């Protein structure tokens, strides 16, 4: 992957720039925010954007920009952990299903079908409503859906690799199943998994925002973009910045991750490189 090839993919560049900006903002929030994000200042409530409060204040007088910065930490951490759990469990399951076939493959396929019968956000709502609100339960709910996603994607990609001549030759020469998966299969499906992780990350952020909006995700006083939208719904017409700012934060972050995933797919897929003449 050379610099010249990357420069010919604007979607990758734009997505990487947006994602990097959100990551930097979340990292900076660990050491600095304009105001303490949970500081209540009734005297400063409903201030419009200004030089002091860059994005205004909410109904408690809390600084919106500071809450957006810390909310980025919560959204990114929930999404990253949920996707990480999904990959850690789903990828091995998908590899084993592709190698063993038979009843193992059937069980994995039926589990994936069952999970995919419900949209990701609806599944997360059902699980968090059962287990109770909170960031940990939100992560668990989103992770369960991601396990099925990565198991299905890994299985499909691994089946294609297992059918190639070099893998058959390795098995015929006595290489063990585990060694074959680690040495020959996993490196050849890594690109597909990286792209899927980026797309799943965006979906996880949307799911976390939806859960927080409904009061089932990150709990107060921890800032959350979804919770900020819920708090702003009664003031949308007379104080629109309260809803516009967190809504844009969610939309721009998801857009950046989707553009990054599309760009990485183009860069990592040999067939896309041939079409573009890279």
C-alpha atoms as a PDB file:
ATOM      1  CA  UNK A   1       0.000   0.000   0.000  1.00  0.00           C
ATOM      2  CA  UNK A   2       1.948   2.995  -1.307  1.00  0.00           C
ATOM      3  CA  UNK A   3       1.360   6.686  -0.710  1.00  0.00           C
ATOM      4  CA  UNK A   4       0.492   7.265  -4.370  1.00  0.00           C
ATOM      5  CA  UNK A   5      -2.246   4.603  -4.225  1.00  0.00           C
ATOM      6  CA  UNK A   6      -3.664   6.046  -1.021  1.00  0.00           C
ATOM      7  CA  UNK A   7      -3.788   9.533  -2.538  1.00  0.00           C
ATOM      8  CA  UNK A   8      -5.932   8.183  -5.389  1.00  0.00           C
ATOM      9  CA  UNK A   9      -8.647   7.103  -2.936  1.00  0.00           C
ATOM     10  CA  UNK A  10     -10.378  10.258  -1.619  1.00  0.00           C
ATOM     11  CA  UNK A  11     -12.912   8.261   0.399  1.00  0.00           C
ATOM     12  CA  UNK A  12     -10.089   6.666   2.385  1.00  0.00           C
ATOM     13  CA  UNK A  13      -8.380  10.025   2.952  1.00  0.00           C
ATOM     14  CA  UNK A  14     -11.563  11.799   4.051  1.00  0.00           C
ATOM     15  CA  UNK A  15     -12.604   8.900   6.281  1.00  0.00           C
ATOM     16  CA  UNK A  16      -9.149   8.675   7.845  1.00  0.00           C
ATOM     17  CA  UNK A  17      -9.090  12.439   8.483  1.00  0.00           C
ATOM     18  CA  UNK A  18     -12.515  12.439  10.155  1.00  0.00           C
ATOM     19  CA  UNK A  19     -11.741   9.343  12.231  1.00  0.00           C
ATOM     20  CA  UNK A  20      -8.359  10.705  13.297  1.00  0.00           C
ATOM     21  CA  UNK A  21      -9.959  14.007  14.333  1.00  0.00           C
ATOM     22  CA  UNK A  22     -12.510  12.226  16.535  1.00  0.00           C
ATOM     23  CA  UNK A  23      -9.792  10.029  18.059  1.00  0.00           C
ATOM     24  CA  UNK A  24      -7.584  13.036  18.812  1.00  0.00           C
ATOM     25  CA  UNK A  25     -10.525  14.886  20.382  1.00  0.00           C
ATOM     26  CA  UNK A  26     -11.295  11.884  22.594  1.00  0.00           C
ATOM     27  CA  UNK A  27      -7.620  11.537  23.568  1.00  0.00           C
ATOM     28  CA  UNK A  28      -7.272  15.242  24.411  1.00  0.00           C
ATOM     29  CA  UNK A  29     -10.348  14.989  26.653  1.00  0.00           C
ATOM     30  CA  UNK A  30      -8.363  12.736  29.003  1.00  0.00           C
ATOM     31  CA  UNK A  31      -6.124  15.666  29.939  1.00  0.00           C
ATOM     32  CA  UNK A  32      -8.073  18.817  28.992  1.00  0.00           C
ATOM     33  CA  UNK A  33     -11.581  20.116  28.359  1.00  0.00           C
ATOM     34  CA  UNK A  34     -12.645  23.782  28.291  1.00  0.00           C
ATOM     35  CA  UNK A  35     -14.856  23.173  31.359  1.00  0.00           C
ATOM     36  CA  UNK A  36     -15.443  20.139  33.587  1.00  0.00           C
ATOM     37  CA  UNK A  37     -18.039  18.200  31.541  1.00  0.00           C
ATOM     38  CA  UNK A  38     -20.249  17.502  34.563  1.00  0.00           C
ATOM     39  CA  UNK A  39     -20.061  20.969  36.076  1.00  0.00           C
ATOM     40  CA  UNK A  40     -23.567  22.348  36.690  1.00  0.00           C
ATOM     41  CA  UNK A  41     -23.846  26.130  36.395  1.00  0.00           C
ATOM     42  CA  UNK A  42     -27.495  27.139  36.582  1.00  0.00           C
ATOM     43  CA  UNK A  43     -26.564  30.775  36.060  1.00  0.00           C
ATOM     44  CA  UNK A  44     -25.033  29.836  32.690  1.00  0.00           C
ATOM     45  CA  UNK A  45     -27.859  27.614  31.382  1.00  0.00           C
ATOM     46  CA  UNK A  46     -28.936  27.825  27.737  1.00  0.00           C
ATOM     47  CA  UNK A  47     -26.102  30.061  26.639  1.00  0.00           C
ATOM     48  CA  UNK A  48     -25.728  30.144  22.836  1.00  0.00           C
ATOM     49  CA  UNK A  49     -22.367  29.415  21.201  1.00  0.00           C
ATOM     50  CA  UNK A  50     -19.840  32.113  22.071  1.00  0.00           C
ATOM     51  CA  UNK A  51     -16.151  32.720  22.613  1.00  0.00           C
ATOM     52  CA  UNK A  52     -16.454  31.357  26.154  1.00  0.00           C
ATOM     53  CA  UNK A  53     -18.719  28.391  25.504  1.00  0.00           C
ATOM     54  CA  UNK A  54     -17.813  27.446  21.944  1.00  0.00           C
ATOM     55  CA  UNK A  55     -20.911  25.298  21.361  1.00  0.00           C
ATOM     56  CA  UNK A  56     -23.134  26.808  24.042  1.00  0.00           C
ATOM     57  CA  UNK A  57     -24.467  25.288  27.256  1.00  0.00           C
ATOM     58  CA  UNK A  58     -27.365  22.975  28.072  1.00  0.00           C
ATOM     59  CA  UNK A  59     -30.266  23.217  30.532  1.00  0.00           C
ATOM     60  CA  UNK A  60     -27.915  22.559  33.453  1.00  0.00           C
ATOM     61  CA  UNK A  61     -25.328  25.093  32.281  1.00  0.00           C
ATOM     62  CA  UNK A  62     -22.881  22.358  31.263  1.00  0.00           C
ATOM     63  CA  UNK A  63     -20.489  23.171  28.444  1.00  0.00           C
ATOM     64  CA  UNK A  64     -21.594  21.380  25.270  1.00  0.00           C
ATOM     65  CA  UNK A  65     -18.144  21.205  23.695  1.00  0.00           C
ATOM     66  CA  UNK A  66     -16.653  19.605  26.814  1.00  0.00           C
ATOM     67  CA  UNK A  67     -19.477  17.059  26.864  1.00  0.00           C
ATOM     68  CA  UNK A  68     -18.947  16.289  23.171  1.00  0.00           C
ATOM     69  CA  UNK A  69     -15.254  15.633  23.821  1.00  0.00           C
ATOM     70  CA  UNK A  70     -15.901  13.266  26.728  1.00  0.00           C
ATOM     71  CA  UNK A  71     -18.885  11.735  24.912  1.00  0.00           C
ATOM     72  CA  UNK A  72     -16.493  10.786  22.106  1.00  0.00           C
ATOM     73  CA  UNK A  73     -14.495   8.763  24.642  1.00  0.00           C
ATOM     74  CA  UNK A  74     -17.582   6.858  25.744  1.00  0.00           C
ATOM     75  CA  UNK A  75     -18.879   6.212  22.225  1.00  0.00           C
ATOM     76  CA  UNK A  76     -15.494   5.103  20.904  1.00  0.00           C
ATOM     77  CA  UNK A  77     -14.699   2.937  23.928  1.00  0.00           C
ATOM     78  CA  UNK A  78     -18.078   1.170  23.841  1.00  0.00           C
ATOM     79  CA  UNK A  79     -17.765   0.617  20.087  1.00  0.00           C
ATOM     80  CA  UNK A  80     -14.150  -0.541  20.250  1.00  0.00           C
ATOM     81  CA  UNK A  81     -14.707  -3.009  23.099  1.00  0.00           C
ATOM     82  CA  UNK A  82     -17.884  -4.398  21.529  1.00  0.00           C
ATOM     83  CA  UNK A  83     -16.196  -4.895  18.152  1.00  0.00           C
ATOM     84  CA  UNK A  84     -13.094  -6.322  19.827  1.00  0.00           C
ATOM     85  CA  UNK A  85     -15.176  -8.911  21.700  1.00  0.00           C
ATOM     86  CA  UNK A  86     -17.060  -9.727  18.507  1.00  0.00           C
ATOM     87  CA  UNK A  87     -13.808 -10.311  16.628  1.00  0.00           C
ATOM     88  CA  UNK A  88     -12.146 -12.260  19.444  1.00  0.00           C
ATOM     89  CA  UNK A  89     -15.036 -14.736  19.600  1.00  0.00           C
ATOM     90  CA  UNK A  90     -16.520 -14.594  16.109  1.00  0.00           C
ATOM     91  CA  UNK A  91     -13.328 -14.996  14.066  1.00  0.00           C
ATOM     92  CA  UNK A  92     -12.232 -18.304  15.685  1.00  0.00           C
ATOM     93  CA  UNK A  93     -15.797 -19.626  15.420  1.00  0.00           C
ATOM     94  CA  UNK A  94     -15.938 -18.725  11.730  1.00  0.00           C
ATOM     95  CA  UNK A  95     -12.549 -20.316  11.025  1.00  0.00           C
ATOM     96  CA  UNK A  96     -13.489 -23.541  12.791  1.00  0.00           C
ATOM     97  CA  UNK A  97     -16.858 -23.681  11.014  1.00  0.00           C
ATOM     98  CA  UNK A  98     -15.174 -23.273   7.626  1.00  0.00           C
ATOM     99  CA  UNK A  99     -12.591 -25.960   8.380  1.00  0.00           C
ATOM    100  CA  UNK A 100     -14.795 -28.561  10.059  1.00  0.00           C
ATOM    101  CA  UNK A 101     -17.979 -28.062   8.026  1.00  0.00           C
ATOM    102  CA  UNK A 102     -20.708 -30.597   8.920  1.00  0.00           C
ATOM    103  CA  UNK A 103     -22.779 -29.981  12.038  1.00  0.00           C
ATOM    104  CA  UNK A 104     -20.342 -27.335  13.314  1.00  0.00           C
ATOM    105  CA  UNK A 105     -20.954 -25.240  10.227  1.00  0.00           C
ATOM    106  CA  UNK A 106     -24.719 -25.777  10.536  1.00  0.00           C
ATOM    107  CA  UNK A 107     -24.784 -24.617  14.162  1.00  0.00           C
ATOM    108  CA  UNK A 108     -22.788 -21.462  13.371  1.00  0.00           C
ATOM    109  CA  UNK A 109     -24.975 -20.685  10.353  1.00  0.00           C
ATOM    110  CA  UNK A 110     -28.215 -21.137  12.281  1.00  0.00           C
ATOM    111  CA  UNK A 111     -26.931 -18.987  15.154  1.00  0.00           C
ATOM    112  CA  UNK A 112     -26.033 -16.246  12.681  1.00  0.00           C
ATOM    113  CA  UNK A 113     -29.439 -16.520  11.012  1.00  0.00           C
ATOM    114  CA  UNK A 114     -31.141 -16.193  14.396  1.00  0.00           C
ATOM    115  CA  UNK A 115     -29.161 -13.079  15.319  1.00  0.00           C
ATOM    116  CA  UNK A 116     -29.606 -11.496  11.884  1.00  0.00           C
ATOM    117  CA  UNK A 117     -33.374 -12.003  12.131  1.00  0.00           C
ATOM    118  CA  UNK A 118     -33.382  -8.931  14.385  1.00  0.00           C
ATOM    119  CA  UNK A 119     -31.743  -5.594  13.496  1.00  0.00           C
ATOM    120  CA  UNK A 120     -28.649  -4.771  15.525  1.00  0.00           C
ATOM    121  CA  UNK A 121     -30.251  -1.929  17.452  1.00  0.00           C
ATOM    122  CA  UNK A 122     -33.405  -3.956  18.181  1.00  0.00           C
ATOM    123  CA  UNK A 123     -31.301  -6.850  19.484  1.00  0.00           C
ATOM    124  CA  UNK A 124     -29.354  -4.470  21.692  1.00  0.00           C
ATOM    125  CA  UNK A 125     -32.594  -2.983  23.002  1.00  0.00           C
ATOM    126  CA  UNK A 126     -33.952  -6.403  23.912  1.00  0.00           C
ATOM    127  CA  UNK A 127     -30.779  -7.469  25.709  1.00  0.00           C
ATOM    128  CA  UNK A 128     -30.264  -4.227  27.654  1.00  0.00           C
ATOM    129  CA  UNK A 129     -33.938  -4.131  28.598  1.00  0.00           C
ATOM    130  CA  UNK A 130     -33.487  -7.647  30.016  1.00  0.00           C
ATOM    131  CA  UNK A 131     -30.109  -7.115  31.722  1.00  0.00           C
ATOM    132  CA  UNK A 132     -30.674  -3.512  32.739  1.00  0.00           C
ATOM    133  CA  UNK A 133     -29.175  -0.171  31.669  1.00  0.00           C
ATOM    134  CA  UNK A 134     -25.466   0.586  31.757  1.00  0.00           C
ATOM    135  CA  UNK A 135     -22.388   0.806  29.585  1.00  0.00           C
ATOM    136  CA  UNK A 136     -21.285  -2.772  30.347  1.00  0.00           C
ATOM    137  CA  UNK A 137     -24.613  -4.266  29.318  1.00  0.00           C
ATOM    138  CA  UNK A 138     -24.668  -2.066  26.221  1.00  0.00           C
ATOM    139  CA  UNK A 139     -21.241  -3.413  25.254  1.00  0.00           C
ATOM    140  CA  UNK A 140     -22.431  -6.988  25.831  1.00  0.00           C
ATOM    141  CA  UNK A 141     -25.560  -6.440  23.748  1.00  0.00           C
ATOM    142  CA  UNK A 142     -23.653  -4.943  20.810  1.00  0.00           C
ATOM    143  CA  UNK A 143     -20.901  -7.571  21.100  1.00  0.00           C
ATOM    144  CA  UNK A 144     -23.358 -10.467  20.777  1.00  0.00           C
ATOM    145  CA  UNK A 145     -24.507  -9.146  17.415  1.00  0.00           C
ATOM    146  CA  UNK A 146     -20.890  -8.621  16.329  1.00  0.00           C
ATOM    147  CA  UNK A 147     -19.997 -12.211  17.199  1.00  0.00           C
ATOM    148  CA  UNK A 148     -22.526 -13.412  14.628  1.00  0.00           C
ATOM    149  CA  UNK A 149     -21.342 -10.840  12.075  1.00  0.00           C
ATOM    150  CA  UNK A 150     -17.674 -11.797  12.319  1.00  0.00           C
ATOM    151  CA  UNK A 151     -18.436 -15.515  12.444  1.00  0.00           C
ATOM    152  CA  UNK A 152     -20.442 -15.270   9.208  1.00  0.00           C
ATOM    153  CA  UNK A 153     -17.919 -13.018   7.425  1.00  0.00           C
ATOM    154  CA  UNK A 154     -14.927 -15.113   8.543  1.00  0.00           C
ATOM    155  CA  UNK A 155     -16.610 -18.358   7.516  1.00  0.00           C
ATOM    156  CA  UNK A 156     -17.389 -17.088   4.030  1.00  0.00           C
ATOM    157  CA  UNK A 157     -13.928 -15.657   3.446  1.00  0.00           C
ATOM    158  CA  UNK A 158     -12.186 -18.732   4.905  1.00  0.00           C
ATOM    159  CA  UNK A 159     -14.166 -21.125   2.683  1.00  0.00           C
ATOM    160  CA  UNK A 160     -12.821 -19.330  -0.373  1.00  0.00           C
ATOM    161  CA  UNK A 161      -9.231 -19.572   0.894  1.00  0.00           C
ATOM    162  CA  UNK A 162      -9.583 -23.221   1.933  1.00  0.00           C
ATOM    163  CA  UNK A 163     -10.540 -24.078  -1.641  1.00  0.00           C
ATOM    164  CA  UNK A 164      -7.274 -22.776  -3.074  1.00  0.00           C
ATOM    165  CA  UNK A 165      -4.491 -25.055  -4.221  1.00  0.00           C
ATOM    166  CA  UNK A 166      -1.823 -23.906  -1.770  1.00  0.00           C
ATOM    167  CA  UNK A 167      -4.074 -24.681   1.219  1.00  0.00           C
ATOM    168  CA  UNK A 168      -4.966 -28.102  -0.149  1.00  0.00           C
ATOM    169  CA  UNK A 169      -1.288 -28.772  -0.710  1.00  0.00           C
ATOM    170  CA  UNK A 170      -0.443 -27.769   2.855  1.00  0.00           C
ATOM    171  CA  UNK A 171      -3.099 -30.124   4.246  1.00  0.00           C
ATOM    172  CA  UNK A 172      -1.965 -32.922   1.954  1.00  0.00           C
ATOM    173  CA  UNK A 173       1.618 -32.525   3.189  1.00  0.00           C
ATOM    174  CA  UNK A 174       0.469 -33.127   6.752  1.00  0.00           C
ATOM    175  CA  UNK A 175       0.180 -29.614   8.126  1.00  0.00           C
ATOM    176  CA  UNK A 176      -2.199 -29.592  11.084  1.00  0.00           C
ATOM    177  CA  UNK A 177      -5.603 -27.857  10.955  1.00  0.00           C
ATOM    178  CA  UNK A 178      -4.661 -25.186  13.517  1.00  0.00           C
ATOM    179  CA  UNK A 179      -1.396 -24.403  11.753  1.00  0.00           C
ATOM    180  CA  UNK A 180      -3.211 -24.204   8.407  1.00  0.00           C
ATOM    181  CA  UNK A 181      -5.729 -21.734   9.794  1.00  0.00           C
ATOM    182  CA  UNK A 182      -3.097 -19.521  11.398  1.00  0.00           C
ATOM    183  CA  UNK A 183      -0.464 -19.613   8.650  1.00  0.00           C
ATOM    184  CA  UNK A 184      -2.482 -19.829   5.438  1.00  0.00           C
ATOM    185  CA  UNK A 185      -6.109 -18.864   6.063  1.00  0.00           C
ATOM    186  CA  UNK A 186      -6.095 -16.063   8.626  1.00  0.00           C
ATOM    187  CA  UNK A 187      -3.548 -13.828   6.822  1.00  0.00           C
ATOM    188  CA  UNK A 188      -5.563 -14.121   3.609  1.00  0.00           C
ATOM    189  CA  UNK A 189      -8.849 -13.077   5.253  1.00  0.00           C
ATOM    190  CA  UNK A 190      -7.311 -10.331   7.411  1.00  0.00           C
ATOM    191  CA  UNK A 191      -8.138  -7.595   4.885  1.00  0.00           C
ATOM    192  CA  UNK A 192     -11.796  -8.564   4.829  1.00  0.00           C
ATOM    193  CA  UNK A 193     -11.910  -8.634   8.631  1.00  0.00           C
ATOM    194  CA  UNK A 194     -10.297  -5.196   8.918  1.00  0.00           C
ATOM    195  CA  UNK A 195     -12.892  -3.685   6.608  1.00  0.00           C
ATOM    196  CA  UNK A 196     -15.710  -5.422   8.487  1.00  0.00           C
ATOM    197  CA  UNK A 197     -14.326  -4.160  11.802  1.00  0.00           C
ATOM    198  CA  UNK A 198     -14.485  -0.580  10.522  1.00  0.00           C
ATOM    199  CA  UNK A 199     -18.103  -0.983   9.368  1.00  0.00           C
ATOM    200  CA  UNK A 200     -19.082  -2.736  12.602  1.00  0.00           C
ATOM    201  CA  UNK A 201     -17.445   0.060  14.599  1.00  0.00           C
ATOM    202  CA  UNK A 202     -19.747   2.593  12.918  1.00  0.00           C
ATOM    203  CA  UNK A 203     -22.777   0.393  13.605  1.00  0.00           C
ATOM    204  CA  UNK A 204     -21.731   0.003  17.237  1.00  0.00           C
ATOM    205  CA  UNK A 205     -21.517   3.772  17.704  1.00  0.00           C
ATOM    206  CA  UNK A 206     -25.026   4.156  16.275  1.00  0.00           C
ATOM    207  CA  UNK A 207     -26.312   1.400  18.546  1.00  0.00           C
ATOM    208  CA  UNK A 208     -24.673   2.962  21.610  1.00  0.00           C
ATOM    209  CA  UNK A 209     -26.195   6.349  20.769  1.00  0.00           C
ATOM    210  CA  UNK A 210     -29.638   4.777  20.355  1.00  0.00           C
ATOM    211  CA  UNK A 211     -29.361   2.911  23.650  1.00  0.00           C
ATOM    212  CA  UNK A 212     -28.187   6.034  25.492  1.00  0.00           C
ATOM    213  CA  UNK A 213     -30.994   8.043  23.924  1.00  0.00           C
ATOM    214  CA  UNK A 214     -33.473   5.575  25.398  1.00  0.00           C
ATOM    215  CA  UNK A 215     -31.720   5.556  28.772  1.00  0.00           C
ATOM    216  CA  UNK A 216     -30.275   2.047  28.408  1.00  0.00           C
ATOM    217  CA  UNK A 217     -26.670   2.894  27.523  1.00  0.00           C
ATOM    218  CA  UNK A 218     -24.076   5.097  29.235  1.00  0.00           C
ATOM    219  CA  UNK A 219     -25.655   6.458  32.400  1.00  0.00           C
ATOM    220  CA  UNK A 220     -25.491  10.009  33.822  1.00  0.00           C
ATOM    221  CA  UNK A 221     -23.416  11.839  34.883  1.00  0.00           C
ATOM    222  CA  UNK A 222     -21.148  10.379  32.181  1.00  0.00           C
ATOM    223  CA  UNK A 223     -21.737  12.349  28.957  1.00  0.00           C
ATOM    224  CA  UNK A 224     -23.068  10.470  25.945  1.00  0.00           C
ATOM    225  CA  UNK A 225     -24.031  11.761  22.516  1.00  0.00           C
ATOM    226  CA  UNK A 226     -27.279   9.807  22.596  1.00  0.00           C
ATOM    227  CA  UNK A 227     -28.160  11.082  26.067  1.00  0.00           C
ATOM    228  CA  UNK A 228     -27.442  14.648  24.913  1.00  0.00           C
ATOM    229  CA  UNK A 229     -29.941  14.188  22.083  1.00  0.00           C
ATOM    230  CA  UNK A 230     -32.556  12.913  24.522  1.00  0.00           C
ATOM    231  CA  UNK A 231     -32.028  15.898  26.826  1.00  0.00           C
ATOM    232  CA  UNK A 232     -32.293  18.305  23.869  1.00  0.00           C
ATOM    233  CA  UNK A 233     -35.564  17.042  22.415  1.00  0.00           C
ATOM    234  CA  UNK A 234     -37.691  19.446  24.464  1.00  0.00           C
ATOM    235  CA  UNK A 235     -35.643  22.452  23.332  1.00  0.00           C
ATOM    236  CA  UNK A 236     -35.095  21.691  19.648  1.00  0.00           C
ATOM    237  CA  UNK A 237     -37.012  24.659  18.232  1.00  0.00           C
ATOM    238  CA  UNK A 238     -35.940  27.484  20.531  1.00  0.00           C
ATOM    239  CA  UNK A 239     -32.389  26.236  21.251  1.00  0.00           C
ATOM    240  CA  UNK A 240     -31.478  24.067  18.227  1.00  0.00           C
ATOM    241  CA  UNK A 241     -27.761  23.841  18.983  1.00  0.00           C
ATOM    242  CA  UNK A 242     -28.509  21.427  21.819  1.00  0.00           C
ATOM    243  CA  UNK A 243     -29.683  18.792  19.320  1.00  0.00           C
ATOM    244  CA  UNK A 244     -27.666  19.789  16.246  1.00  0.00           C
ATOM    245  CA  UNK A 245     -24.255  19.440  17.880  1.00  0.00           C
ATOM    246  CA  UNK A 246     -24.506  15.844  19.226  1.00  0.00           C
ATOM    247  CA  UNK A 247     -26.471  14.803  16.132  1.00  0.00           C
ATOM    248  CA  UNK A 248     -23.691  16.071  13.889  1.00  0.00           C
ATOM    249  CA  UNK A 249     -21.077  14.379  16.091  1.00  0.00           C
ATOM    250  CA  UNK A 250     -22.782  11.009  15.605  1.00  0.00           C
ATOM    251  CA  UNK A 251     -23.404  11.520  11.881  1.00  0.00           C
ATOM    252  CA  UNK A 252     -19.893  12.754  11.072  1.00  0.00           C
ATOM    253  CA  UNK A 253     -18.197   9.996  13.076  1.00  0.00           C
ATOM    254  CA  UNK A 254     -20.272   7.258  11.435  1.00  0.00           C
ATOM    255  CA  UNK A 255     -19.710   8.825   8.011  1.00  0.00           C
ATOM    256  CA  UNK A 256     -15.960   8.937   8.604  1.00  0.00           C
ATOM    257  CA  UNK A 257     -15.815   5.272   9.624  1.00  0.00           C
ATOM    258  CA  UNK A 258     -17.931   4.191   6.655  1.00  0.00           C
ATOM    259  CA  UNK A 259     -15.755   6.164   4.230  1.00  0.00           C
ATOM    260  CA  UNK A 260     -12.663   4.686   5.875  1.00  0.00           C
ATOM    261  CA  UNK A 261     -14.086   1.181   5.478  1.00  0.00           C
ATOM    262  CA  UNK A 262     -14.943   1.755   1.820  1.00  0.00           C
ATOM    263  CA  UNK A 263     -11.492   3.131   1.140  1.00  0.00           C
ATOM    264  CA  UNK A 264      -9.771   0.247   2.901  1.00  0.00           C
ATOM    265  CA  UNK A 265     -11.857  -2.238   0.920  1.00  0.00           C
ATOM    266  CA  UNK A 266     -10.698  -0.635  -2.317  1.00  0.00           C
ATOM    267  CA  UNK A 267      -7.084  -0.603  -1.180  1.00  0.00           C
ATOM    268  CA  UNK A 268      -6.996  -4.163   0.173  1.00  0.00           C
ATOM    269  CA  UNK A 269      -9.134  -5.954  -2.436  1.00  0.00           C
ATOM    270  CA  UNK A 270      -7.000  -7.040  -5.441  1.00  0.00           C
ATOM    271  CA  UNK A 271     -10.074  -7.077  -7.705  1.00  0.00           C
ATOM    272  CA  UNK A 272     -10.824  -3.447  -6.909  1.00  0.00           C
ATOM    273  CA  UNK A 273      -7.204  -2.549  -7.610  1.00  0.00           C
ATOM    274  CA  UNK A 274      -7.437  -4.165 -11.041  1.00  0.00           C
ATOM    275  CA  UNK A 275     -10.599  -2.236 -11.897  1.00  0.00           C
ATOM    276  CA  UNK A 276      -9.044   1.072 -10.887  1.00  0.00           C
ATOM    277  CA  UNK A 277      -5.717   0.257 -12.541  1.00  0.00           C
ATOM    278  CA  UNK A 278      -3.738   0.687  -9.307  1.00  0.00           C
END
